[in-house]
Amino acid sequence: MGPVNHLEFLQRWDCDESAPAFRRLDRLLGLDAEMQDAAHDTPGGRNLRYVRLQAELGGGGMDAQTACPACAELCEFALPLGAMLESTPPARDREVGIEARGERWRFRLPRMSDLAALPLGGELGHALAETCRLDHHDAPVPEAVVEALGRELDAADPLATPVVELTCSACQHVFSASVDLASFVAREMDRLANRLLRDVHLLARAYGWSEDAILAIPPARRRRYLALIGQDSAPSRAFAV
C-alpha cells in the first residue's frame, strides 16, 4: 500500500463487519497500484498481501485461540507473521502433477479469479480441479485425484490455508489448526478503524480540529495530544502544606 495514510484508510475501509472479510480487504487493497493484476493471485499470494497490509497499517502481532479437539480447552496462540512476511508466493504458472490409474493428471495453481467464478454450493473440489486442469483426458477428474490435488495444492501454496501446530496446555494433546487469514486481518483493521475514530472524536471535541487535520498528524504526536487531554481531565491533586 505504500506509506500509511490513515484518512484514506478510513475512507476506504468497509466497517460493515457482516460483509465477507476478503471483500473488505480487497477494497482496501485497491489503494495499491499492483492490484491491477490481482485476479491472477494464487490464494496464498492474496493472503500474503493481507499480511503485508496488517504489517503496514496495523502493526503488532495477531493473537488467536481455538478449542482443543481432545478436551475443548481454549488454546491461545500467535500467528507467525514474521515467517509469513518472509515467504514468497508460488509462481502463478506453477504446475502440479498427480499420478493415478496409470495416467498423469496436470493442473495449474488456482487463481483468485477461479475461486470467484466457482458456482455457489455443490462440490467445489471437483469444480476447481476441472477449472485448473491442463491435461487432455476425456474423463472427468477422478475423486482420488481431487483428494490428492488438495494435498498438493496445500504444499505448493502454503499461505492459502496456513496451518499452525499446537499443544494443548491442559491435556498436552498435539493438534493442527488451520487459519483464515482474511478474517484475522479484517479483525485487526476493525480495531484500527475504531482506534482512529476514537482519536478523531477526542481531538475534535478538545481542539475543534477537522478529521482531515487530525489524521494528518503523525501517530506519535497524536498520542501526545491524547495524553494531554487525559491529563487535563484527571482530578487535580491537593498539595499538603
C-alpha atoms as a PDB file:
ATOM      1  CA  MET A   1       0.000   0.000   0.000  1.00  0.00           C
ATOM      2  CA  GLY A   2       2.923   2.378   0.384  1.00  0.00           C
ATOM      3  CA  PRO A   3       3.127   4.887   3.247  1.00  0.00           C
ATOM      4  CA  VAL A   4       0.318   4.715   5.776  1.00  0.00           C
ATOM      5  CA  ASN A   5      -2.433   7.243   5.183  1.00  0.00           C
ATOM      6  CA  HIS A   6      -4.997   6.945   7.944  1.00  0.00           C
ATOM      7  CA  LEU A   7      -7.527   9.262   6.305  1.00  0.00           C
ATOM      8  CA  GLU A   8      -7.549   7.241   3.107  1.00  0.00           C
ATOM      9  CA  PHE A   9      -7.770   4.076   5.171  1.00  0.00           C
ATOM     10  CA  LEU A  10     -10.924   5.252   6.942  1.00  0.00           C
ATOM     11  CA  GLN A  11     -12.446   6.392   3.665  1.00  0.00           C
ATOM     12  CA  ARG A  12     -11.886   3.022   2.036  1.00  0.00           C
ATOM     13  CA  TRP A  13     -12.420   0.618   4.915  1.00  0.00           C
ATOM     14  CA  ASP A  14     -15.853  -1.017   4.986  1.00  0.00           C
ATOM     15  CA  CYS A  15     -16.929  -1.008   8.640  1.00  0.00           C
ATOM     16  CA  ASP A  16     -19.747  -3.475   7.990  1.00  0.00           C
ATOM     17  CA  GLU A  17     -18.447  -6.479   9.925  1.00  0.00           C
ATOM     18  CA  SER A  18     -21.101  -8.727   8.377  1.00  0.00           C
ATOM     19  CA  ALA A  19     -19.510  -8.354   4.921  1.00  0.00           C
ATOM     20  CA  PRO A  20     -17.055 -11.070   3.791  1.00  0.00           C
ATOM     21  CA  ALA A  21     -13.584 -10.330   5.145  1.00  0.00           C
ATOM     22  CA  PHE A  22     -11.808 -10.861   1.833  1.00  0.00           C
ATOM     23  CA  ARG A  23     -14.115  -8.401   0.035  1.00  0.00           C
ATOM     24  CA  ARG A  24     -13.460  -5.722   2.649  1.00  0.00           C
ATOM     25  CA  LEU A  25      -9.708  -6.265   2.418  1.00  0.00           C
ATOM     26  CA  ASP A  26      -9.698  -6.327  -1.378  1.00  0.00           C
ATOM     27  CA  ARG A  27     -11.448  -2.978  -1.427  1.00  0.00           C
ATOM     28  CA  LEU A  28      -8.786  -1.592   0.886  1.00  0.00           C
ATOM     29  CA  LEU A  29      -6.021  -3.097  -1.240  1.00  0.00           C
ATOM     30  CA  GLY A  30      -7.375  -1.118  -4.166  1.00  0.00           C
ATOM     31  CA  LEU A  31      -5.015   1.588  -2.915  1.00  0.00           C
ATOM     32  CA  ASP A  32      -2.147  -0.496  -4.303  1.00  0.00           C
ATOM     33  CA  ALA A  33      -1.375   0.002  -7.999  1.00  0.00           C
ATOM     34  CA  GLU A  34      -0.099  -3.580  -8.149  1.00  0.00           C
ATOM     35  CA  MET A  35      -3.662  -4.796  -7.712  1.00  0.00           C
ATOM     36  CA  GLN A  36      -4.395  -4.296 -11.423  1.00  0.00           C
ATOM     37  CA  ASP A  37      -3.358  -7.923 -11.939  1.00  0.00           C
ATOM     38  CA  ALA A  38      -4.607  -9.207  -8.591  1.00  0.00           C
ATOM     39  CA  ALA A  39      -7.114 -11.543 -10.226  1.00  0.00           C
ATOM     40  CA  HIS A  40      -4.130 -13.741 -11.080  1.00  0.00           C
ATOM     41  CA  ASP A  41      -3.005 -14.028  -7.441  1.00  0.00           C
ATOM     42  CA  THR A  42      -2.946 -17.507  -6.027  1.00  0.00           C
ATOM     43  CA  PRO A  43      -4.903 -17.760  -2.745  1.00  0.00           C
ATOM     44  CA  GLY A  44      -1.594 -17.780  -0.866  1.00  0.00           C
ATOM     45  CA  GLY A  45      -0.370 -14.764  -2.817  1.00  0.00           C
ATOM     46  CA  ARG A  46      -3.527 -12.861  -1.891  1.00  0.00           C
ATOM     47  CA  ASN A  47      -3.123 -13.836   1.766  1.00  0.00           C
ATOM     48  CA  LEU A  48       0.432 -12.531   1.659  1.00  0.00           C
ATOM     49  CA  ARG A  49      -0.951  -9.185   0.524  1.00  0.00           C
ATOM     50  CA  TYR A  50      -3.292  -9.245   3.541  1.00  0.00           C
ATOM     51  CA  VAL A  51      -0.433  -9.967   5.937  1.00  0.00           C
ATOM     52  CA  ARG A  52       1.635  -7.135   4.454  1.00  0.00           C
ATOM     53  CA  LEU A  53      -1.370  -4.866   4.847  1.00  0.00           C
ATOM     54  CA  GLN A  54      -1.559  -5.813   8.515  1.00  0.00           C
ATOM     55  CA  ALA A  55       2.138  -5.041   8.981  1.00  0.00           C
ATOM     56  CA  GLU A  56       1.852  -1.653   7.222  1.00  0.00           C
ATOM     57  CA  LEU A  57      -1.368  -0.411   8.793  1.00  0.00           C
ATOM     58  CA  GLY A  58      -1.961  -2.407  11.927  1.00  0.00           C
ATOM     59  CA  GLY A  59       1.453  -3.361  13.192  1.00  0.00           C
ATOM     60  CA  GLY A  60       1.978  -5.821  16.006  1.00  0.00           C
ATOM     61  CA  GLY A  61       1.057  -9.467  16.005  1.00  0.00           C
ATOM     62  CA  MET A  62      -2.216 -11.291  15.738  1.00  0.00           C
ATOM     63  CA  ASP A  63      -3.320 -13.474  18.626  1.00  0.00           C
ATOM     64  CA  ALA A  64      -5.932 -16.170  18.249  1.00  0.00           C
ATOM     65  CA  GLN A  65      -7.498 -19.015  20.131  1.00  0.00           C
ATOM     66  CA  THR A  66      -9.039 -22.335  19.210  1.00  0.00           C
ATOM     67  CA  ALA A  67     -10.613 -25.202  21.121  1.00  0.00           C
ATOM     68  CA  CYS A  68      -8.564 -28.344  21.712  1.00  0.00           C
ATOM     69  CA  PRO A  69     -10.295 -31.216  19.842  1.00  0.00           C
ATOM     70  CA  ALA A  70      -9.482 -33.609  22.694  1.00  0.00           C
ATOM     71  CA  CYS A  71     -10.652 -31.698  25.782  1.00  0.00           C
ATOM     72  CA  ALA A  72     -12.272 -28.496  24.405  1.00  0.00           C
ATOM     73  CA  GLU A  73      -9.840 -26.276  26.344  1.00  0.00           C
ATOM     74  CA  LEU A  74      -9.278 -22.924  24.633  1.00  0.00           C
ATOM     75  CA  CYS A  75      -5.692 -22.704  23.374  1.00  0.00           C
ATOM     76  CA  GLU A  76      -4.209 -19.308  22.641  1.00  0.00           C
ATOM     77  CA  PHE A  77      -1.535 -18.811  20.008  1.00  0.00           C
ATOM     78  CA  ALA A  78       0.111 -16.069  17.976  1.00  0.00           C
ATOM     79  CA  LEU A  79       0.240 -16.219  14.213  1.00  0.00           C
ATOM     80  CA  PRO A  80       3.818 -16.397  12.869  1.00  0.00           C
ATOM     81  CA  LEU A  81       3.580 -13.122  10.977  1.00  0.00           C
ATOM     82  CA  GLY A  82       7.344 -12.743  10.653  1.00  0.00           C
ATOM     83  CA  ALA A  83       7.696 -16.054   8.848  1.00  0.00           C
ATOM     84  CA  MET A  84       4.667 -15.268   6.700  1.00  0.00           C
ATOM     85  CA  LEU A  85       6.101 -11.906   5.648  1.00  0.00           C
ATOM     86  CA  GLU A  86       9.359 -13.558   4.637  1.00  0.00           C
ATOM     87  CA  SER A  87       7.601 -16.161   2.493  1.00  0.00           C
ATOM     88  CA  THR A  88       7.472 -15.971  -1.290  1.00  0.00           C
ATOM     89  CA  PRO A  89       4.231 -16.692  -3.136  1.00  0.00           C
ATOM     90  CA  PRO A  90       4.443 -19.524  -5.681  1.00  0.00           C
ATOM     91  CA  ALA A  91       4.797 -18.761  -9.357  1.00  0.00           C
ATOM     92  CA  ARG A  92       1.416 -18.247 -10.943  1.00  0.00           C
ATOM     93  CA  ASP A  93       2.217 -20.686 -13.743  1.00  0.00           C
ATOM     94  CA  ARG A  94       3.400 -23.442 -11.413  1.00  0.00           C
ATOM     95  CA  GLU A  95       2.026 -26.869 -12.255  1.00  0.00           C
ATOM     96  CA  VAL A  96       1.046 -29.804 -10.056  1.00  0.00           C
ATOM     97  CA  GLY A  97       1.063 -33.383 -11.353  1.00  0.00           C
ATOM     98  CA  ILE A  98      -0.912 -36.335  -9.974  1.00  0.00           C
ATOM     99  CA  GLU A  99      -0.340 -39.968 -10.990  1.00  0.00           C
ATOM    100  CA  ALA A 100      -3.487 -42.109 -10.949  1.00  0.00           C
ATOM    101  CA  ARG A 101      -4.880 -45.015 -12.973  1.00  0.00           C
ATOM    102  CA  GLY A 102      -1.651 -45.249 -14.874  1.00  0.00           C
ATOM    103  CA  GLU A 103      -2.078 -41.696 -16.158  1.00  0.00           C
ATOM    104  CA  ARG A 104      -0.676 -38.327 -15.215  1.00  0.00           C
ATOM    105  CA  TRP A 105      -3.124 -35.535 -14.453  1.00  0.00           C
ATOM    106  CA  ARG A 106      -1.772 -31.986 -14.707  1.00  0.00           C
ATOM    107  CA  PHE A 107      -3.093 -28.852 -13.036  1.00  0.00           C
ATOM    108  CA  ARG A 108      -2.052 -25.248 -12.599  1.00  0.00           C
ATOM    109  CA  LEU A 109      -2.417 -23.497  -9.255  1.00  0.00           C
ATOM    110  CA  PRO A 110      -5.826 -21.908  -8.749  1.00  0.00           C
ATOM    111  CA  ARG A 111      -6.143 -18.145  -9.010  1.00  0.00           C
ATOM    112  CA  MET A 112      -8.443 -15.783  -7.195  1.00  0.00           C
ATOM    113  CA  SER A 113     -10.387 -15.283 -10.430  1.00  0.00           C
ATOM    114  CA  ASP A 114     -11.016 -19.056 -10.500  1.00  0.00           C
ATOM    115  CA  LEU A 115     -12.400 -19.020  -6.963  1.00  0.00           C
ATOM    116  CA  ALA A 116     -14.620 -16.026  -7.720  1.00  0.00           C
ATOM    117  CA  ALA A 117     -16.095 -17.840 -10.720  1.00  0.00           C
ATOM    118  CA  LEU A 118     -16.945 -21.070  -8.883  1.00  0.00           C
ATOM    119  CA  PRO A 119     -20.670 -21.779  -8.503  1.00  0.00           C
ATOM    120  CA  LEU A 120     -22.171 -21.386  -5.061  1.00  0.00           C
ATOM    121  CA  GLY A 121     -22.817 -24.694  -3.304  1.00  0.00           C
ATOM    122  CA  GLY A 122     -22.006 -28.066  -4.787  1.00  0.00           C
ATOM    123  CA  GLU A 123     -18.675 -29.883  -4.717  1.00  0.00           C
ATOM    124  CA  LEU A 124     -16.098 -27.132  -5.027  1.00  0.00           C
ATOM    125  CA  GLY A 125     -13.145 -29.536  -5.077  1.00  0.00           C
ATOM    126  CA  HIS A 126     -14.221 -31.123  -8.335  1.00  0.00           C
ATOM    127  CA  ALA A 127     -15.217 -27.795  -9.872  1.00  0.00           C
ATOM    128  CA  LEU A 128     -11.841 -26.253  -9.042  1.00  0.00           C
ATOM    129  CA  ALA A 129      -9.976 -29.315 -10.332  1.00  0.00           C
ATOM    130  CA  GLU A 130     -11.823 -29.135 -13.640  1.00  0.00           C
ATOM    131  CA  THR A 131     -11.158 -25.401 -13.907  1.00  0.00           C
ATOM    132  CA  CYS A 132      -7.409 -25.754 -13.307  1.00  0.00           C
ATOM    133  CA  ARG A 133      -6.687 -28.952 -15.257  1.00  0.00           C
ATOM    134  CA  LEU A 134      -4.119 -28.796 -18.043  1.00  0.00           C
ATOM    135  CA  ASP A 135      -4.313 -32.365 -19.334  1.00  0.00           C
ATOM    136  CA  HIS A 136      -6.482 -33.552 -22.194  1.00  0.00           C
ATOM    137  CA  HIS A 137      -8.062 -36.667 -20.693  1.00  0.00           C
ATOM    138  CA  ASP A 138     -11.626 -37.238 -21.826  1.00  0.00           C
ATOM    139  CA  ALA A 139     -12.798 -38.479 -18.430  1.00  0.00           C
ATOM    140  CA  PRO A 140     -13.718 -36.176 -15.515  1.00  0.00           C
ATOM    141  CA  VAL A 141     -11.123 -35.795 -12.792  1.00  0.00           C
ATOM    142  CA  PRO A 142     -11.419 -38.874 -10.523  1.00  0.00           C
ATOM    143  CA  GLU A 143     -12.218 -38.481  -6.832  1.00  0.00           C
ATOM    144  CA  ALA A 144      -8.817 -39.867  -5.805  1.00  0.00           C
ATOM    145  CA  VAL A 145      -7.100 -37.255  -7.965  1.00  0.00           C
ATOM    146  CA  VAL A 146      -9.209 -34.457  -6.461  1.00  0.00           C
ATOM    147  CA  GLU A 147      -8.199 -35.536  -2.948  1.00  0.00           C
ATOM    148  CA  ALA A 148      -4.528 -35.817  -3.885  1.00  0.00           C
ATOM    149  CA  LEU A 149      -4.697 -32.449  -5.640  1.00  0.00           C
ATOM    150  CA  GLY A 150      -5.924 -30.789  -2.455  1.00  0.00           C
ATOM    151  CA  ARG A 151      -2.868 -32.036  -0.570  1.00  0.00           C
ATOM    152  CA  GLU A 152      -0.503 -30.994  -3.372  1.00  0.00           C
ATOM    153  CA  LEU A 153      -2.009 -27.510  -3.550  1.00  0.00           C
ATOM    154  CA  ASP A 154      -1.632 -27.070   0.211  1.00  0.00           C
ATOM    155  CA  ALA A 155       2.062 -27.921  -0.142  1.00  0.00           C
ATOM    156  CA  ALA A 156       2.608 -25.730  -3.205  1.00  0.00           C
ATOM    157  CA  ASP A 157       0.759 -22.679  -1.847  1.00  0.00           C
ATOM    158  CA  PRO A 158       1.018 -22.981   1.962  1.00  0.00           C
ATOM    159  CA  LEU A 159      -0.275 -19.494   2.757  1.00  0.00           C
ATOM    160  CA  ALA A 160      -3.578 -20.327   1.064  1.00  0.00           C
ATOM    161  CA  THR A 161      -4.682 -22.106   4.253  1.00  0.00           C
ATOM    162  CA  PRO A 162      -1.920 -21.699   6.861  1.00  0.00           C
ATOM    163  CA  VAL A 163      -1.706 -24.437   9.479  1.00  0.00           C
ATOM    164  CA  VAL A 164      -0.347 -23.895  12.992  1.00  0.00           C
ATOM    165  CA  GLU A 165       0.847 -26.810  15.119  1.00  0.00           C
ATOM    166  CA  LEU A 166      -0.370 -26.514  18.731  1.00  0.00           C
ATOM    167  CA  THR A 167      -0.029 -28.358  22.041  1.00  0.00           C
ATOM    168  CA  CYS A 168      -2.922 -28.077  24.480  1.00  0.00           C
ATOM    169  CA  SER A 169      -1.721 -26.722  27.822  1.00  0.00           C
ATOM    170  CA  ALA A 170      -4.434 -28.668  29.653  1.00  0.00           C
ATOM    171  CA  CYS A 171      -4.124 -32.193  28.244  1.00  0.00           C
ATOM    172  CA  GLN A 172      -0.912 -31.935  26.158  1.00  0.00           C
ATOM    173  CA  HIS A 173      -2.764 -33.086  23.050  1.00  0.00           C
ATOM    174  CA  VAL A 174      -0.897 -32.100  19.867  1.00  0.00           C
ATOM    175  CA  PHE A 175      -3.095 -30.929  17.010  1.00  0.00           C
ATOM    176  CA  SER A 176      -3.160 -28.719  13.916  1.00  0.00           C
ATOM    177  CA  ALA A 177      -5.305 -25.631  13.457  1.00  0.00           C
ATOM    178  CA  SER A 178      -5.991 -24.041  10.082  1.00  0.00           C
ATOM    179  CA  VAL A 179      -6.132 -20.251   9.940  1.00  0.00           C
ATOM    180  CA  ASP A 180      -8.479 -17.993   7.985  1.00  0.00           C
ATOM    181  CA  LEU A 181      -6.021 -15.156   7.427  1.00  0.00           C
ATOM    182  CA  ALA A 182      -8.546 -12.811   5.846  1.00  0.00           C
ATOM    183  CA  SER A 183     -10.749 -12.924   8.944  1.00  0.00           C
ATOM    184  CA  PHE A 184      -7.804 -12.285  11.259  1.00  0.00           C
ATOM    185  CA  VAL A 185      -6.528  -9.311   9.259  1.00  0.00           C
ATOM    186  CA  ALA A 186     -10.035  -7.851   8.887  1.00  0.00           C
ATOM    187  CA  ARG A 187     -10.427  -8.042  12.659  1.00  0.00           C
ATOM    188  CA  GLU A 188      -7.214  -6.051  13.104  1.00  0.00           C
ATOM    189  CA  MET A 189      -8.384  -3.472  10.560  1.00  0.00           C
ATOM    190  CA  ASP A 190     -11.631  -3.087  12.525  1.00  0.00           C
ATOM    191  CA  ARG A 191      -9.598  -2.440  15.661  1.00  0.00           C
ATOM    192  CA  LEU A 192      -7.507   0.149  13.842  1.00  0.00           C
ATOM    193  CA  ALA A 193     -10.616   1.882  12.455  1.00  0.00           C
ATOM    194  CA  ASN A 194     -12.190   2.024  15.917  1.00  0.00           C
ATOM    195  CA  ARG A 195      -8.979   3.414  17.390  1.00  0.00           C
ATOM    196  CA  LEU A 196      -8.722   6.120  14.721  1.00  0.00           C
ATOM    197  CA  LEU A 197     -12.365   7.088  15.095  1.00  0.00           C
ATOM    198  CA  ARG A 198     -11.858   7.427  18.846  1.00  0.00           C
ATOM    199  CA  ASP A 199      -8.790   9.632  18.242  1.00  0.00           C
ATOM    200  CA  VAL A 200     -10.796  11.871  15.930  1.00  0.00           C
ATOM    201  CA  HIS A 201     -13.682  12.063  18.405  1.00  0.00           C
ATOM    202  CA  LEU A 202     -11.486  13.072  21.347  1.00  0.00           C
ATOM    203  CA  LEU A 203      -9.255  15.542  19.475  1.00  0.00           C
ATOM    204  CA  ALA A 204     -12.121  17.163  17.579  1.00  0.00           C
ATOM    205  CA  ARG A 205     -14.025  17.657  20.837  1.00  0.00           C
ATOM    206  CA  ALA A 206     -10.981  19.058  22.623  1.00  0.00           C
ATOM    207  CA  TYR A 207      -9.485  21.265  19.897  1.00  0.00           C
ATOM    208  CA  GLY A 208     -12.179  21.643  17.234  1.00  0.00           C
ATOM    209  CA  TRP A 209      -9.925  20.220  14.531  1.00  0.00           C
ATOM    210  CA  SER A 210     -11.327  18.527  11.430  1.00  0.00           C
ATOM    211  CA  GLU A 211     -10.974  14.814  10.719  1.00  0.00           C
ATOM    212  CA  ASP A 212      -8.557  15.535   7.862  1.00  0.00           C
ATOM    213  CA  ALA A 213      -6.342  17.671  10.096  1.00  0.00           C
ATOM    214  CA  ILE A 214      -6.335  15.133  12.935  1.00  0.00           C
ATOM    215  CA  LEU A 215      -5.458  12.156  10.749  1.00  0.00           C
ATOM    216  CA  ALA A 216      -2.693  14.154   9.053  1.00  0.00           C
ATOM    217  CA  ILE A 217      -0.914  14.447  12.416  1.00  0.00           C
ATOM    218  CA  PRO A 218       1.793  11.755  12.752  1.00  0.00           C
ATOM    219  CA  PRO A 219       0.566   8.961  15.066  1.00  0.00           C
ATOM    220  CA  ALA A 220       3.269   9.539  17.707  1.00  0.00           C
ATOM    221  CA  ARG A 221       2.383  13.240  18.047  1.00  0.00           C
ATOM    222  CA  ARG A 222      -1.308  12.418  18.004  1.00  0.00           C
ATOM    223  CA  ARG A 223      -0.765  10.186  21.039  1.00  0.00           C
ATOM    224  CA  ARG A 224       0.949  13.086  22.823  1.00  0.00           C
ATOM    225  CA  TYR A 225      -2.115  15.278  22.302  1.00  0.00           C
ATOM    226  CA  LEU A 226      -4.372  12.490  23.569  1.00  0.00           C
ATOM    227  CA  ALA A 227      -2.181  12.132  26.647  1.00  0.00           C
ATOM    228  CA  LEU A 228      -2.509  15.863  27.335  1.00  0.00           C
ATOM    229  CA  ILE A 229      -6.294  15.583  27.093  1.00  0.00           C
ATOM    230  CA  GLY A 230      -6.150  12.755  29.599  1.00  0.00           C
ATOM    231  CA  GLN A 231      -4.038  14.838  31.966  1.00  0.00           C
ATOM    232  CA  ASP A 232      -6.435  17.778  31.740  1.00  0.00           C
ATOM    233  CA  SER A 233      -9.396  15.554  32.598  1.00  0.00           C
ATOM    234  CA  ALA A 234      -7.674  13.897  35.564  1.00  0.00           C
ATOM    235  CA  PRO A 235      -8.662  15.250  39.019  1.00  0.00           C
ATOM    236  CA  SER A 236      -6.143  17.708  40.379  1.00  0.00           C
ATOM    237  CA  ARG A 237      -4.190  16.709  43.462  1.00  0.00           C
ATOM    238  CA  ALA A 238      -4.100  18.946  46.509  1.00  0.00           C
ATOM    239  CA  PHE A 239      -0.621  19.611  47.829  1.00  0.00           C
ATOM    240  CA  ALA A 240      -0.030  19.168  51.531  1.00  0.00           C
ATOM    241  CA  VAL A 241       1.169  22.311  53.304  1.00  0.00           C
END
